[in-house]
Every structure is written in C-alpha cells, then in structure tokens.
C-alpha atoms as a PDB file:
ATOM      1  CA  MET A   1     -12.398 -12.000 -18.870  1.00  0.00           C
ATOM      2  CA  LYS A   2     -10.035 -11.306 -22.415  1.00  0.00           C
ATOM      3  CA  LEU A   3      -8.024  -8.284 -22.979  1.00  0.00           C
ATOM      4  CA  SER A   4      -6.966  -7.327 -26.328  1.00  0.00           C
ATOM      5  CA  PHE A   5      -3.429  -5.669 -27.219  1.00  0.00           C
ATOM      6  CA  GLU A   6      -2.892  -4.010 -30.913  1.00  0.00           C
ATOM      7  CA  LYS A   7       0.655  -4.704 -32.305  1.00  0.00           C
ATOM      8  CA  LYS A   8       1.865  -0.983 -31.293  1.00  0.00           C
ATOM      9  CA  LYS A   9       1.973  -0.104 -27.840  1.00  0.00           C
ATOM     10  CA  GLN A  10       0.801   3.036 -26.480  1.00  0.00           C
ATOM     11  CA  ASN A  11       2.712   5.585 -24.592  1.00  0.00           C
ATOM     12  CA  THR A  12       2.790   4.894 -21.016  1.00  0.00           C
ATOM     13  CA  GLN A  13       3.479   6.658 -17.667  1.00  0.00           C
ATOM     14  CA  GLY A  14       5.874   4.244 -14.858  1.00  0.00           C
ATOM     15  CA  VAL A  15       4.457   3.085 -11.384  1.00  0.00           C
ATOM     16  CA  GLN A  16       5.206   1.824  -8.490  1.00  0.00           C
ATOM     17  CA  PHE A  17       4.266  -1.305  -7.095  1.00  0.00           C
ATOM     18  CA  ARG A  18       4.762  -4.362  -4.706  1.00  0.00           C
ATOM     19  CA  ILE A  19       3.262  -8.162  -5.371  1.00  0.00           C
ATOM     20  CA  ASP A  20       3.581 -11.375  -3.623  1.00  0.00           C
ATOM     21  CA  PRO A  21       5.860 -14.379  -5.117  1.00  0.00           C
ATOM     22  CA  ILE A  22       2.437 -15.525  -6.576  1.00  0.00           C
ATOM     23  CA  THR A  23       0.977 -12.615  -7.704  1.00  0.00           C
ATOM     24  CA  ASN A  24       4.570 -11.825  -9.358  1.00  0.00           C
ATOM     25  CA  GLN A  25       4.131 -15.544 -10.977  1.00  0.00           C
ATOM     26  CA  ASN A  26       0.847 -15.026 -12.404  1.00  0.00           C
ATOM     27  CA  LEU A  27       1.177 -11.654 -14.506  1.00  0.00           C
ATOM     28  CA  THR A  28       4.508 -13.382 -15.582  1.00  0.00           C
ATOM     29  CA  ALA A  29       1.453 -16.160 -16.503  1.00  0.00           C
ATOM     30  CA  LEU A  30      -0.779 -13.280 -17.896  1.00  0.00           C
ATOM     31  CA  ARG A  31       2.465 -11.380 -19.735  1.00  0.00           C
ATOM     32  CA  ASN A  32       3.851 -14.765 -21.473  1.00  0.00           C
ATOM     33  CA  TYR A  33       0.159 -15.335 -22.478  1.00  0.00           C
ATOM     34  CA  TYR A  34      -0.720 -12.255 -24.252  1.00  0.00           C
ATOM     35  CA  SER A  35       2.398 -12.037 -25.934  1.00  0.00           C
ATOM     36  CA  GLU A  36       2.515 -14.896 -26.813  1.00  0.00           C
ATOM     37  CA  LYS A  37      -1.420 -13.757 -28.463  1.00  0.00           C
ATOM     38  CA  ALA A  38       0.088  -9.818 -29.366  1.00  0.00           C
ATOM     39  CA  GLY A  39       2.798 -10.918 -31.759  1.00  0.00           C
ATOM     40  CA  ARG A  40       5.165  -8.975 -29.291  1.00  0.00           C
ATOM     41  CA  ARG A  41       6.111  -8.383 -25.387  1.00  0.00           C
ATOM     42  CA  VAL A  42       3.556  -6.699 -23.650  1.00  0.00           C
ATOM     43  CA  THR A  43       4.297  -5.351 -21.000  1.00  0.00           C
ATOM     44  CA  THR A  44       2.994  -5.179 -16.902  1.00  0.00           C
ATOM     45  CA  GLY A  45       1.700  -1.569 -17.513  1.00  0.00           C
ATOM     46  CA  GLU A  46      -0.749  -2.916 -21.122  1.00  0.00           C
ATOM     47  CA  ILE A  47      -1.726  -5.134 -18.285  1.00  0.00           C
ATOM     48  CA  PHE A  48      -2.572  -3.074 -15.808  1.00  0.00           C
ATOM     49  CA  LYS A  49      -3.744   0.036 -17.946  1.00  0.00           C
ATOM     50  CA  GLN A  50      -6.574  -2.377 -19.475  1.00  0.00           C
ATOM     51  CA  LEU A  51      -8.023  -4.127 -16.438  1.00  0.00           C
ATOM     52  CA  ILE A  52      -7.867  -0.218 -14.720  1.00  0.00           C
ATOM     53  CA  ASN A  53     -10.201   1.180 -18.098  1.00  0.00           C
ATOM     54  CA  ASN A  54     -12.342  -2.549 -18.032  1.00  0.00           C
ATOM     55  CA  HIS A  55     -13.270  -2.776 -14.816  1.00  0.00           C
ATOM     56  CA  SER A  56     -13.866   1.558 -14.471  1.00  0.00           C
ATOM     57  CA  LYS A  57     -16.322   1.062 -17.579  1.00  0.00           C
ATOM     58  CA  ASP A  58     -18.458  -2.059 -15.575  1.00  0.00           C
ATOM     59  CA  ILE A  59     -18.287  -0.040 -12.702  1.00  0.00           C
ATOM     60  CA  GLN A  60     -20.271   3.427 -14.712  1.00  0.00           C
ATOM     61  CA  MET A  61     -22.207   1.372 -16.397  1.00  0.00           C
ATOM     62  CA  GLU A  62     -23.201   0.022 -12.592  1.00  0.00           C
ATOM     63  CA  ILE A  63     -23.604   3.163 -11.937  1.00  0.00           C
ATOM     64  CA  ARG A  64     -25.586   4.113 -14.938  1.00  0.00           C
ATOM     65  CA  ASN A  65     -28.078   1.508 -14.220  1.00  0.00           C
ATOM     66  CA  ARG A  66     -28.926   2.238 -11.177  1.00  0.00           C
END
C-alpha cells in the first residue's frame, strides 16, 4: 500500500507514543521516502493519519461485505 500526500499539510492534533528502535528506523525511512515524493517534509502524524484512515476504510468495507 502506498500513501499519497498533497503539497499542503492539513491541520492535525498532537499524539504521543513510544516505539522501539527498529520501528523508529522504519518510520524515519517512510518519512524520508514520502517527503521526497511529496516535495516537502511529511510528518509522522500525517503518515499515521493516512494509515489509520486507510485501514478504517478497509475494515468498513469488510463489514459491509459480510
């Protein structure tokens, strides 16, 4: 699954969490990848927001198809 980021950043709310070092490396790699693709700095919050929304859509479709 690939995420898509617009040039303009949407308003977001702060959330705190802890991650292990390997996950942190993976997150940094994702941030760098999507920042390059979007042509601007993509934040951790934006990545999580899209992951949460995409997963939620998948679950909603699965529930509807039962």
